[in-house]
Amino acid sequence: MTIEHPSCEWKDYELIDSGDFSKLERFGQYVMIRPEPKALWHKSMTDSQWRSLAQTEFKPGAGFGKAGKEDSGSWTMLGKMQEQWVIAYPSIGFKLRLGLTSFKHVGVFPEQAPNWEFISENVRELSASLNYAPKVLNLFAYTGAASLAARKAGAQVTHLDSVKQVVTWARGNMELSGTDNIRWVIEDALKFARREARRGNLYNGIILDPPAYGHGPDGEKWKLDECLFELLQQCAAILAPKDSFMVLNLYSNGYSAVLADTLVRSAFGTDFKSLDYGELVLKDRFGKQLPLSVFSRLRR
């Protein structure tokens, strides 16, 4: 099991401090305070120091985080900032437009940077060895950082999310990053994977970052505990038997890296070159490590 965090060379993101169920983060030129239920320790800086650095703070609504859901809240402005701004991820070469949403998110999950690097590296290796551009499927693809990592490395990318607004956001990030030809799909992930399996379509890469709860565009219900294993089985059927990779990321509270590893081994079997699992963490200026998700990464 490995513990991974974004490289310190990435200058457009920093976890400054964490504690007392909150985190103080910098995205580009702006600093913000957001709730963080996993920050069980005390802050290293004072409340006044936090507020002197931050331009905005997210205040959750009643019931925030209960039953695995996030109720909407609001942002309190502590200084001047733009409603939207852009950050870059130079090591791969893409850009992301960020903005303040009513669910505390800003358009990127920075702890995912090691997964982006894994995706980019594997697509480049496959592009060099195959006589065609690798096909990559990104499920629950959100605003598209992983899709851009694959596309920038030379993949044919299918980007799927059930929410039209975030697919539009991802398309804007593609244009901002100076690339094109990503295939956009607004659909339920499990329904899409089942259909691809029936059709016999294969992919050289599959990326999954499923939420705890969700809804498809036609009202399909997604509950992680009930649907994840079947989805992994369907993905095993559409992942090419060789020259391929899979990334599973789980950020739901209570899910362990060992659980992710066991799920993937059960769904994909033993015919693989490598299978790694671990945790993705953010480290603040004071050395405190904040675990935010677990992963399993397979290569065939």
C-alpha atoms as a PDB file:
ATOM      1  CA  MET A   1       0.000   0.000   0.000  1.00  0.00           C
ATOM      2  CA  THR A   2       1.305   3.443  -0.910  1.00  0.00           C
ATOM      3  CA  ILE A   3       0.506   6.968   0.260  1.00  0.00           C
ATOM      4  CA  GLU A   4       0.685   9.598  -2.484  1.00  0.00           C
ATOM      5  CA  HIS A   5       0.225  13.355  -2.626  1.00  0.00           C
ATOM      6  CA  PRO A   6       0.536  16.080  -5.263  1.00  0.00           C
ATOM      7  CA  SER A   7       4.055  17.146  -6.171  1.00  0.00           C
ATOM      8  CA  CYS A   8       5.379  20.258  -4.479  1.00  0.00           C
ATOM      9  CA  GLU A   9       6.263  21.422  -8.011  1.00  0.00           C
ATOM     10  CA  TRP A  10       2.570  22.158  -8.606  1.00  0.00           C
ATOM     11  CA  LYS A  11       2.493  25.835  -7.673  1.00  0.00           C
ATOM     12  CA  ASP A  12      -1.209  26.524  -8.262  1.00  0.00           C
ATOM     13  CA  TYR A  13      -2.427  24.513  -5.267  1.00  0.00           C
ATOM     14  CA  GLU A  14      -1.435  24.374  -1.605  1.00  0.00           C
ATOM     15  CA  LEU A  15      -3.006  23.038   1.572  1.00  0.00           C
ATOM     16  CA  ILE A  16      -1.831  25.718   3.962  1.00  0.00           C
ATOM     17  CA  ASP A  17      -3.277  24.366   7.224  1.00  0.00           C
ATOM     18  CA  SER A  18      -5.910  21.906   8.419  1.00  0.00           C
ATOM     19  CA  GLY A  19      -7.723  21.081  11.632  1.00  0.00           C
ATOM     20  CA  ASP A  20     -10.875  21.543  13.695  1.00  0.00           C
ATOM     21  CA  PHE A  21     -12.887  20.027  10.813  1.00  0.00           C
ATOM     22  CA  SER A  22     -11.711  22.638   8.310  1.00  0.00           C
ATOM     23  CA  LYS A  23      -8.967  23.218   5.750  1.00  0.00           C
ATOM     24  CA  LEU A  24      -7.240  26.377   4.553  1.00  0.00           C
ATOM     25  CA  GLU A  25      -6.328  26.054   0.870  1.00  0.00           C
ATOM     26  CA  ARG A  26      -4.874  28.148  -1.913  1.00  0.00           C
ATOM     27  CA  PHE A  27      -6.074  27.648  -5.484  1.00  0.00           C
ATOM     28  CA  GLY A  28      -3.980  29.889  -7.702  1.00  0.00           C
ATOM     29  CA  GLN A  29      -4.092  33.390  -6.229  1.00  0.00           C
ATOM     30  CA  TYR A  30      -7.073  32.776  -3.936  1.00  0.00           C
ATOM     31  CA  VAL A  31      -7.193  31.293  -0.428  1.00  0.00           C
ATOM     32  CA  MET A  32     -10.338  29.771   1.023  1.00  0.00           C
ATOM     33  CA  ILE A  33     -11.660  28.013   4.110  1.00  0.00           C
ATOM     34  CA  ARG A  34     -13.760  24.893   3.543  1.00  0.00           C
ATOM     35  CA  PRO A  35     -15.274  22.261   5.857  1.00  0.00           C
ATOM     36  CA  GLU A  36     -13.288  19.035   6.145  1.00  0.00           C
ATOM     37  CA  PRO A  37     -14.793  16.252   8.298  1.00  0.00           C
ATOM     38  CA  LYS A  38     -11.545  14.260   8.248  1.00  0.00           C
ATOM     39  CA  ALA A  39      -9.466  17.050   9.849  1.00  0.00           C
ATOM     40  CA  LEU A  40      -9.954  15.774  13.404  1.00  0.00           C
ATOM     41  CA  TRP A  41      -6.875  17.487  14.883  1.00  0.00           C
ATOM     42  CA  HIS A  42      -6.348  21.126  15.903  1.00  0.00           C
ATOM     43  CA  LYS A  43      -5.250  23.866  13.535  1.00  0.00           C
ATOM     44  CA  SER A  44      -1.604  24.897  13.637  1.00  0.00           C
ATOM     45  CA  MET A  45      -2.499  28.544  12.962  1.00  0.00           C
ATOM     46  CA  THR A  46      -5.040  30.718  14.779  1.00  0.00           C
ATOM     47  CA  ASP A  47      -8.527  31.483  13.516  1.00  0.00           C
ATOM     48  CA  SER A  48      -7.518  35.107  12.961  1.00  0.00           C
ATOM     49  CA  GLN A  49      -4.515  34.017  10.880  1.00  0.00           C
ATOM     50  CA  TRP A  50      -6.764  31.860   8.738  1.00  0.00           C
ATOM     51  CA  ARG A  51      -9.229  34.656   8.141  1.00  0.00           C
ATOM     52  CA  SER A  52      -6.493  37.176   7.400  1.00  0.00           C
ATOM     53  CA  LEU A  53      -5.248  34.958   4.562  1.00  0.00           C
ATOM     54  CA  ALA A  54      -8.584  33.820   3.110  1.00  0.00           C
ATOM     55  CA  GLN A  55     -10.713  35.606   0.534  1.00  0.00           C
ATOM     56  CA  THR A  56     -13.753  33.431   1.198  1.00  0.00           C
ATOM     57  CA  GLU A  57     -15.199  30.832   3.600  1.00  0.00           C
ATOM     58  CA  PHE A  58     -17.834  28.186   2.919  1.00  0.00           C
ATOM     59  CA  LYS A  59     -20.680  27.949   5.433  1.00  0.00           C
ATOM     60  CA  PRO A  60     -22.619  24.668   5.165  1.00  0.00           C
ATOM     61  CA  GLY A  61     -26.383  24.517   5.368  1.00  0.00           C
ATOM     62  CA  ALA A  62     -28.300  22.439   7.898  1.00  0.00           C
ATOM     63  CA  GLY A  63     -27.696  18.725   7.587  1.00  0.00           C
ATOM     64  CA  PHE A  64     -24.457  19.061   5.615  1.00  0.00           C
ATOM     65  CA  GLY A  65     -22.766  15.701   5.155  1.00  0.00           C
ATOM     66  CA  LYS A  66     -25.502  13.542   6.665  1.00  0.00           C
ATOM     67  CA  ALA A  67     -26.230  10.162   5.038  1.00  0.00           C
ATOM     68  CA  GLY A  68     -23.304  10.700   2.690  1.00  0.00           C
ATOM     69  CA  LYS A  69     -24.963  13.692   1.031  1.00  0.00           C
ATOM     70  CA  GLU A  70     -23.930  17.310   0.813  1.00  0.00           C
ATOM     71  CA  ASP A  71     -26.595  19.897   1.355  1.00  0.00           C
ATOM     72  CA  SER A  72     -26.017  23.288  -0.187  1.00  0.00           C
ATOM     73  CA  GLY A  73     -24.419  26.132   1.693  1.00  0.00           C
ATOM     74  CA  SER A  74     -23.066  29.572   0.953  1.00  0.00           C
ATOM     75  CA  TRP A  75     -19.773  31.438   0.700  1.00  0.00           C
ATOM     76  CA  THR A  76     -18.924  34.344   2.985  1.00  0.00           C
ATOM     77  CA  MET A  77     -16.593  36.803   1.295  1.00  0.00           C
ATOM     78  CA  LEU A  78     -13.626  37.896   3.419  1.00  0.00           C
ATOM     79  CA  GLY A  79     -11.772  39.743   0.669  1.00  0.00           C
ATOM     80  CA  LYS A  80     -11.927  40.570  -3.024  1.00  0.00           C
ATOM     81  CA  MET A  81     -11.862  37.780  -5.595  1.00  0.00           C
ATOM     82  CA  GLN A  82     -13.279  36.929  -9.000  1.00  0.00           C
ATOM     83  CA  GLU A  83     -16.253  34.615  -9.357  1.00  0.00           C
ATOM     84  CA  GLN A  84     -14.227  32.472 -11.776  1.00  0.00           C
ATOM     85  CA  TRP A  85     -10.495  32.043 -12.246  1.00  0.00           C
ATOM     86  CA  VAL A  86      -8.036  29.674 -13.914  1.00  0.00           C
ATOM     87  CA  ILE A  87      -5.306  27.405 -12.571  1.00  0.00           C
ATOM     88  CA  ALA A  88      -2.781  25.354 -14.544  1.00  0.00           C
ATOM     89  CA  TYR A  89      -1.325  21.877 -14.154  1.00  0.00           C
ATOM     90  CA  PRO A  90       1.942  22.394 -16.057  1.00  0.00           C
ATOM     91  CA  SER A  91       3.487  18.916 -15.818  1.00  0.00           C
ATOM     92  CA  ILE A  92       0.756  17.569 -18.127  1.00  0.00           C
ATOM     93  CA  GLY A  93      -0.221  20.838 -19.758  1.00  0.00           C
ATOM     94  CA  PHE A  94      -3.874  21.472 -19.001  1.00  0.00           C
ATOM     95  CA  LYS A  95      -5.816  24.318 -17.399  1.00  0.00           C
ATOM     96  CA  LEU A  96      -8.956  24.338 -15.264  1.00  0.00           C
ATOM     97  CA  ARG A  97     -11.529  27.046 -14.762  1.00  0.00           C
ATOM     98  CA  LEU A  98     -12.529  27.209 -11.095  1.00  0.00           C
ATOM     99  CA  GLY A  99     -15.542  28.763  -9.427  1.00  0.00           C
ATOM    100  CA  LEU A 100     -17.408  28.758  -6.119  1.00  0.00           C
ATOM    101  CA  THR A 101     -20.316  26.287  -6.086  1.00  0.00           C
ATOM    102  CA  SER A 102     -23.123  25.884  -3.566  1.00  0.00           C
ATOM    103  CA  PHE A 103     -21.758  22.431  -2.577  1.00  0.00           C
ATOM    104  CA  LYS A 104     -18.333  23.763  -1.414  1.00  0.00           C
ATOM    105  CA  HIS A 105     -16.569  22.384  -4.507  1.00  0.00           C
ATOM    106  CA  VAL A 106     -14.555  24.666  -6.796  1.00  0.00           C
ATOM    107  CA  GLY A 107     -14.109  22.462  -9.878  1.00  0.00           C
ATOM    108  CA  VAL A 108     -11.080  20.330  -9.007  1.00  0.00           C
ATOM    109  CA  PHE A 109     -10.052  17.742  -6.417  1.00  0.00           C
ATOM    110  CA  PRO A 110      -6.321  18.456  -6.029  1.00  0.00           C
ATOM    111  CA  GLU A 111      -5.468  15.200  -4.231  1.00  0.00           C
ATOM    112  CA  GLN A 112      -6.192  13.463  -7.552  1.00  0.00           C
ATOM    113  CA  ALA A 113      -2.966  14.766  -9.113  1.00  0.00           C
ATOM    114  CA  PRO A 114      -1.118  11.410  -8.659  1.00  0.00           C
ATOM    115  CA  ASN A 115      -3.931   9.704 -10.581  1.00  0.00           C
ATOM    116  CA  TRP A 116      -3.577  12.266 -13.390  1.00  0.00           C
ATOM    117  CA  GLU A 117       0.130  11.464 -13.576  1.00  0.00           C
ATOM    118  CA  PHE A 118      -0.579   7.717 -13.680  1.00  0.00           C
ATOM    119  CA  ILE A 119      -3.115   8.204 -16.484  1.00  0.00           C
ATOM    120  CA  SER A 120      -0.771  10.410 -18.507  1.00  0.00           C
ATOM    121  CA  GLU A 121       2.179   8.048 -18.110  1.00  0.00           C
ATOM    122  CA  ASN A 122       0.194   4.977 -19.132  1.00  0.00           C
ATOM    123  CA  VAL A 123      -1.431   6.631 -22.139  1.00  0.00           C
ATOM    124  CA  ARG A 124       1.983   7.818 -23.357  1.00  0.00           C
ATOM    125  CA  GLU A 125       3.409   4.310 -22.992  1.00  0.00           C
ATOM    126  CA  LEU A 126       0.467   2.781 -24.842  1.00  0.00           C
ATOM    127  CA  SER A 127       0.601   5.437 -27.555  1.00  0.00           C
ATOM    128  CA  ALA A 128       4.236   4.532 -28.175  1.00  0.00           C
ATOM    129  CA  SER A 129       3.587   0.776 -28.374  1.00  0.00           C
ATOM    130  CA  LEU A 130       0.239   0.602 -30.216  1.00  0.00           C
ATOM    131  CA  ASN A 131      -0.410   1.507 -33.839  1.00  0.00           C
ATOM    132  CA  TYR A 132      -3.497   3.495 -32.837  1.00  0.00           C
ATOM    133  CA  ALA A 133      -4.457   6.072 -30.209  1.00  0.00           C
ATOM    134  CA  PRO A 134      -5.495   4.341 -26.966  1.00  0.00           C
ATOM    135  CA  LYS A 135      -9.201   4.528 -26.124  1.00  0.00           C
ATOM    136  CA  VAL A 136      -9.925   5.823 -22.620  1.00  0.00           C
ATOM    137  CA  LEU A 137     -13.302   5.916 -20.852  1.00  0.00           C
ATOM    138  CA  ASN A 138     -13.695   8.343 -17.934  1.00  0.00           C
ATOM    139  CA  LEU A 139     -16.792   7.600 -15.824  1.00  0.00           C
ATOM    140  CA  PHE A 140     -18.194  10.104 -13.290  1.00  0.00           C
ATOM    141  CA  ALA A 141     -15.806  12.468 -15.055  1.00  0.00           C
ATOM    142  CA  TYR A 142     -16.846  15.761 -13.383  1.00  0.00           C
ATOM    143  CA  THR A 143     -15.027  18.806 -14.802  1.00  0.00           C
ATOM    144  CA  GLY A 144     -12.546  16.727 -16.741  1.00  0.00           C
ATOM    145  CA  ALA A 145      -9.050  16.876 -15.227  1.00  0.00           C
ATOM    146  CA  ALA A 146      -8.521  13.122 -15.758  1.00  0.00           C
ATOM    147  CA  SER A 147     -10.005  13.368 -19.262  1.00  0.00           C
ATOM    148  CA  LEU A 148      -7.548  16.143 -20.084  1.00  0.00           C
ATOM    149  CA  ALA A 149      -4.642  14.139 -18.678  1.00  0.00           C
ATOM    150  CA  ALA A 150      -5.540  11.284 -21.030  1.00  0.00           C
ATOM    151  CA  ARG A 151      -6.247  13.501 -24.046  1.00  0.00           C
ATOM    152  CA  LYS A 152      -3.041  15.516 -23.659  1.00  0.00           C
ATOM    153  CA  ALA A 153      -1.096  12.227 -23.658  1.00  0.00           C
ATOM    154  CA  GLY A 154      -2.678  11.179 -26.953  1.00  0.00           C
ATOM    155  CA  ALA A 155      -5.776   9.148 -26.057  1.00  0.00           C
ATOM    156  CA  GLN A 156      -9.192   9.021 -27.702  1.00  0.00           C
ATOM    157  CA  VAL A 157     -11.290  10.038 -24.693  1.00  0.00           C
ATOM    158  CA  THR A 158     -14.929   9.371 -23.849  1.00  0.00           C
ATOM    159  CA  HIS A 159     -15.969  11.645 -20.975  1.00  0.00           C
ATOM    160  CA  LEU A 160     -19.157  10.562 -19.182  1.00  0.00           C
ATOM    161  CA  ASP A 161     -21.110  12.291 -16.447  1.00  0.00           C
ATOM    162  CA  SER A 162     -24.815  12.329 -15.644  1.00  0.00           C
ATOM    163  CA  VAL A 163     -24.904  16.099 -14.975  1.00  0.00           C
ATOM    164  CA  LYS A 164     -25.108  18.297 -18.066  1.00  0.00           C
ATOM    165  CA  GLN A 165     -23.741  21.367 -16.296  1.00  0.00           C
ATOM    166  CA  VAL A 166     -20.450  19.738 -15.308  1.00  0.00           C
ATOM    167  CA  VAL A 167     -20.019  18.276 -18.799  1.00  0.00           C
ATOM    168  CA  THR A 168     -20.369  21.826 -20.129  1.00  0.00           C
ATOM    169  CA  TRP A 169     -17.793  22.930 -17.548  1.00  0.00           C
ATOM    170  CA  ALA A 170     -15.451  20.143 -18.716  1.00  0.00           C
ATOM    171  CA  ARG A 171     -15.867  21.169 -22.362  1.00  0.00           C
ATOM    172  CA  GLY A 172     -14.794  24.672 -21.392  1.00  0.00           C
ATOM    173  CA  ASN A 173     -11.711  23.260 -19.672  1.00  0.00           C
ATOM    174  CA  MET A 174     -10.854  21.348 -22.848  1.00  0.00           C
ATOM    175  CA  GLU A 175     -11.029  24.531 -24.909  1.00  0.00           C
ATOM    176  CA  LEU A 176      -9.082  26.438 -22.255  1.00  0.00           C
ATOM    177  CA  SER A 177      -6.364  23.777 -22.427  1.00  0.00           C
ATOM    178  CA  GLY A 178      -5.997  24.078 -26.190  1.00  0.00           C
ATOM    179  CA  THR A 179      -7.158  20.582 -27.046  1.00  0.00           C
ATOM    180  CA  ASP A 180     -10.183  19.061 -28.776  1.00  0.00           C
ATOM    181  CA  ASN A 181     -11.996  15.904 -29.906  1.00  0.00           C
ATOM    182  CA  ILE A 182     -13.132  14.600 -26.524  1.00  0.00           C
ATOM    183  CA  ARG A 183     -16.373  12.622 -26.835  1.00  0.00           C
ATOM    184  CA  TRP A 184     -19.009  13.909 -24.401  1.00  0.00           C
ATOM    185  CA  VAL A 185     -21.687  11.579 -22.993  1.00  0.00           C
ATOM    186  CA  ILE A 186     -24.438  12.567 -20.533  1.00  0.00           C
ATOM    187  CA  GLU A 187     -25.695   9.249 -19.178  1.00  0.00           C
ATOM    188  CA  ASP A 188     -25.861   6.898 -16.219  1.00  0.00           C
ATOM    189  CA  ALA A 189     -22.446   5.196 -15.873  1.00  0.00           C
ATOM    190  CA  LEU A 190     -23.737   1.695 -15.131  1.00  0.00           C
ATOM    191  CA  LYS A 191     -26.229   1.783 -18.006  1.00  0.00           C
ATOM    192  CA  PHE A 192     -23.478   2.921 -20.404  1.00  0.00           C
ATOM    193  CA  ALA A 193     -21.036   0.234 -19.231  1.00  0.00           C
ATOM    194  CA  ARG A 194     -23.661  -2.496 -19.612  1.00  0.00           C
ATOM    195  CA  ARG A 195     -24.397  -1.386 -23.167  1.00  0.00           C
ATOM    196  CA  GLU A 196     -20.720  -1.227 -24.113  1.00  0.00           C
ATOM    197  CA  ALA A 197     -20.255  -4.763 -22.748  1.00  0.00           C
ATOM    198  CA  ARG A 198     -23.191  -6.058 -24.815  1.00  0.00           C
ATOM    199  CA  ARG A 199     -21.720  -4.435 -27.910  1.00  0.00           C
ATOM    200  CA  GLY A 200     -18.264  -5.873 -27.248  1.00  0.00           C
ATOM    201  CA  ASN A 201     -16.572  -2.468 -27.209  1.00  0.00           C
ATOM    202  CA  LEU A 202     -13.158  -2.394 -25.526  1.00  0.00           C
ATOM    203  CA  TYR A 203     -11.099   0.384 -23.958  1.00  0.00           C
ATOM    204  CA  ASN A 204      -7.380   0.656 -23.222  1.00  0.00           C
ATOM    205  CA  GLY A 205      -8.076   2.725 -20.133  1.00  0.00           C
ATOM    206  CA  ILE A 206     -10.997   3.108 -17.725  1.00  0.00           C
ATOM    207  CA  ILE A 207     -11.180   5.740 -14.988  1.00  0.00           C
ATOM    208  CA  LEU A 208     -13.806   5.587 -12.224  1.00  0.00           C
ATOM    209  CA  ASP A 209     -14.380   8.171  -9.501  1.00  0.00           C
ATOM    210  CA  PRO A 210     -17.893   7.331  -8.279  1.00  0.00           C
ATOM    211  CA  PRO A 211     -19.830   9.301  -5.656  1.00  0.00           C
ATOM    212  CA  ALA A 212     -21.625   7.750  -2.705  1.00  0.00           C
ATOM    213  CA  TYR A 213     -25.010   8.760  -4.092  1.00  0.00           C
ATOM    214  CA  GLY A 214     -26.210  10.136  -7.396  1.00  0.00           C
ATOM    215  CA  HIS A 215     -28.841  10.182 -10.115  1.00  0.00           C
ATOM    216  CA  GLY A 216     -28.639   9.548 -13.829  1.00  0.00           C
ATOM    217  CA  PRO A 217     -30.174  11.975 -16.334  1.00  0.00           C
ATOM    218  CA  ASP A 218     -33.298   9.790 -16.568  1.00  0.00           C
ATOM    219  CA  GLY A 219     -33.707   9.421 -12.805  1.00  0.00           C
ATOM    220  CA  GLU A 220     -31.550   6.304 -12.393  1.00  0.00           C
ATOM    221  CA  LYS A 221     -30.480   5.894  -8.783  1.00  0.00           C
ATOM    222  CA  TRP A 222     -26.830   5.361  -7.934  1.00  0.00           C
ATOM    223  CA  LYS A 223     -25.871   4.068  -4.501  1.00  0.00           C
ATOM    224  CA  LEU A 224     -22.206   3.166  -4.205  1.00  0.00           C
ATOM    225  CA  ASP A 225     -22.590   0.194  -1.846  1.00  0.00           C
ATOM    226  CA  GLU A 226     -25.183  -1.443  -4.074  1.00  0.00           C
ATOM    227  CA  CYS A 227     -23.873  -0.638  -7.560  1.00  0.00           C
ATOM    228  CA  LEU A 228     -20.080  -0.458  -7.401  1.00  0.00           C
ATOM    229  CA  PHE A 229     -19.211  -4.142  -7.723  1.00  0.00           C
ATOM    230  CA  GLU A 230     -21.491  -4.662 -10.711  1.00  0.00           C
ATOM    231  CA  LEU A 231     -20.013  -1.583 -12.364  1.00  0.00           C
ATOM    232  CA  LEU A 232     -16.499  -2.951 -11.819  1.00  0.00           C
ATOM    233  CA  GLN A 233     -17.551  -6.271 -13.340  1.00  0.00           C
ATOM    234  CA  GLN A 234     -18.923  -4.482 -16.398  1.00  0.00           C
ATOM    235  CA  CYS A 235     -15.707  -2.460 -16.646  1.00  0.00           C
ATOM    236  CA  ALA A 236     -13.654  -5.663 -16.457  1.00  0.00           C
ATOM    237  CA  ALA A 237     -15.599  -6.905 -19.498  1.00  0.00           C
ATOM    238  CA  ILE A 238     -14.836  -3.777 -21.559  1.00  0.00           C
ATOM    239  CA  LEU A 239     -11.203  -3.273 -20.513  1.00  0.00           C
ATOM    240  CA  ALA A 240      -8.868  -4.682 -23.162  1.00  0.00           C
ATOM    241  CA  PRO A 241      -7.235  -7.939 -21.951  1.00  0.00           C
ATOM    242  CA  LYS A 242      -3.764  -6.499 -22.611  1.00  0.00           C
ATOM    243  CA  ASP A 243      -2.225  -3.070 -23.213  1.00  0.00           C
ATOM    244  CA  SER A 244      -4.671  -1.444 -20.807  1.00  0.00           C
ATOM    245  CA  PHE A 245      -5.082   0.168 -17.388  1.00  0.00           C
ATOM    246  CA  MET A 246      -7.804   0.985 -14.867  1.00  0.00           C
ATOM    247  CA  VAL A 247      -7.996   3.613 -12.116  1.00  0.00           C
ATOM    248  CA  LEU A 248     -10.567   3.362  -9.319  1.00  0.00           C
ATOM    249  CA  ASN A 249     -10.841   6.247  -6.872  1.00  0.00           C
ATOM    250  CA  LEU A 250     -13.116   6.174  -3.804  1.00  0.00           C
ATOM    251  CA  TYR A 251     -13.589   9.163  -1.557  1.00  0.00           C
ATOM    252  CA  SER A 252     -16.561   8.046   0.526  1.00  0.00           C
ATOM    253  CA  ASN A 253     -16.019   7.997   4.289  1.00  0.00           C
ATOM    254  CA  GLY A 254     -15.473   4.478   5.577  1.00  0.00           C
ATOM    255  CA  TYR A 255     -13.982   3.029   2.385  1.00  0.00           C
ATOM    256  CA  SER A 256     -10.467   1.680   2.861  1.00  0.00           C
ATOM    257  CA  ALA A 257      -7.652   1.047   0.403  1.00  0.00           C
ATOM    258  CA  VAL A 258      -7.825  -2.659   1.240  1.00  0.00           C
ATOM    259  CA  LEU A 259     -11.511  -2.638   0.318  1.00  0.00           C
ATOM    260  CA  ALA A 260     -10.698  -1.015  -3.042  1.00  0.00           C
ATOM    261  CA  ASP A 261      -7.986  -3.605  -3.676  1.00  0.00           C
ATOM    262  CA  THR A 262     -10.281  -6.520  -2.838  1.00  0.00           C
ATOM    263  CA  LEU A 263     -13.082  -5.149  -5.035  1.00  0.00           C
ATOM    264  CA  VAL A 264     -10.782  -4.798  -8.030  1.00  0.00           C
ATOM    265  CA  ARG A 265      -9.204  -8.232  -7.567  1.00  0.00           C
ATOM    266  CA  SER A 266     -12.656  -9.795  -7.300  1.00  0.00           C
ATOM    267  CA  ALA A 267     -13.981  -8.044 -10.398  1.00  0.00           C
ATOM    268  CA  PHE A 268     -10.929  -8.152 -12.670  1.00  0.00           C
ATOM    269  CA  GLY A 269      -9.349 -11.472 -11.672  1.00  0.00           C
ATOM    270  CA  THR A 270      -5.638 -12.236 -11.520  1.00  0.00           C
ATOM    271  CA  ASP A 271      -4.559 -11.663 -15.122  1.00  0.00           C
ATOM    272  CA  PHE A 272      -2.724  -8.354 -14.792  1.00  0.00           C
ATOM    273  CA  LYS A 273       0.814  -6.966 -14.899  1.00  0.00           C
ATOM    274  CA  SER A 274       0.480  -4.902 -11.741  1.00  0.00           C
ATOM    275  CA  LEU A 275      -2.116  -3.871  -9.183  1.00  0.00           C
ATOM    276  CA  ASP A 276      -1.360  -1.103  -6.691  1.00  0.00           C
ATOM    277  CA  TYR A 277      -3.532   0.411  -4.014  1.00  0.00           C
ATOM    278  CA  GLY A 278      -3.201   3.132  -1.428  1.00  0.00           C
ATOM    279  CA  GLU A 279      -4.383   6.527  -0.195  1.00  0.00           C
ATOM    280  CA  LEU A 280      -4.287   9.981  -1.727  1.00  0.00           C
ATOM    281  CA  VAL A 281      -3.464  12.667   0.823  1.00  0.00           C
ATOM    282  CA  LEU A 282      -2.773  16.367   1.070  1.00  0.00           C
ATOM    283  CA  LYS A 283       0.043  17.562   3.324  1.00  0.00           C
ATOM    284  CA  ASP A 284      -0.166  21.005   4.903  1.00  0.00           C
ATOM    285  CA  ARG A 285       2.716  23.371   5.700  1.00  0.00           C
ATOM    286  CA  PHE A 286       3.020  21.882   9.176  1.00  0.00           C
ATOM    287  CA  GLY A 287       3.409  18.284   8.018  1.00  0.00           C
ATOM    288  CA  LYS A 288      -0.100  17.120   8.892  1.00  0.00           C
ATOM    289  CA  GLN A 289      -1.377  14.606   6.344  1.00  0.00           C
ATOM    290  CA  LEU A 290      -5.044  14.787   5.362  1.00  0.00           C
ATOM    291  CA  PRO A 291      -6.303  11.539   3.745  1.00  0.00           C
ATOM    292  CA  LEU A 292      -9.041  12.265   1.224  1.00  0.00           C
ATOM    293  CA  SER A 293      -9.487   9.211  -0.986  1.00  0.00           C
ATOM    294  CA  VAL A 294      -8.313   5.672  -1.658  1.00  0.00           C
ATOM    295  CA  PHE A 295      -7.322   4.192  -5.001  1.00  0.00           C
ATOM    296  CA  SER A 296      -6.658   0.957  -6.831  1.00  0.00           C
ATOM    297  CA  ARG A 297      -4.702   1.093 -10.108  1.00  0.00           C
ATOM    298  CA  LEU A 298      -4.400  -1.900 -12.408  1.00  0.00           C
ATOM    299  CA  ARG A 299      -2.275  -2.502 -15.498  1.00  0.00           C
ATOM    300  CA  ARG A 300      -2.809  -5.307 -18.002  1.00  0.00           C
END
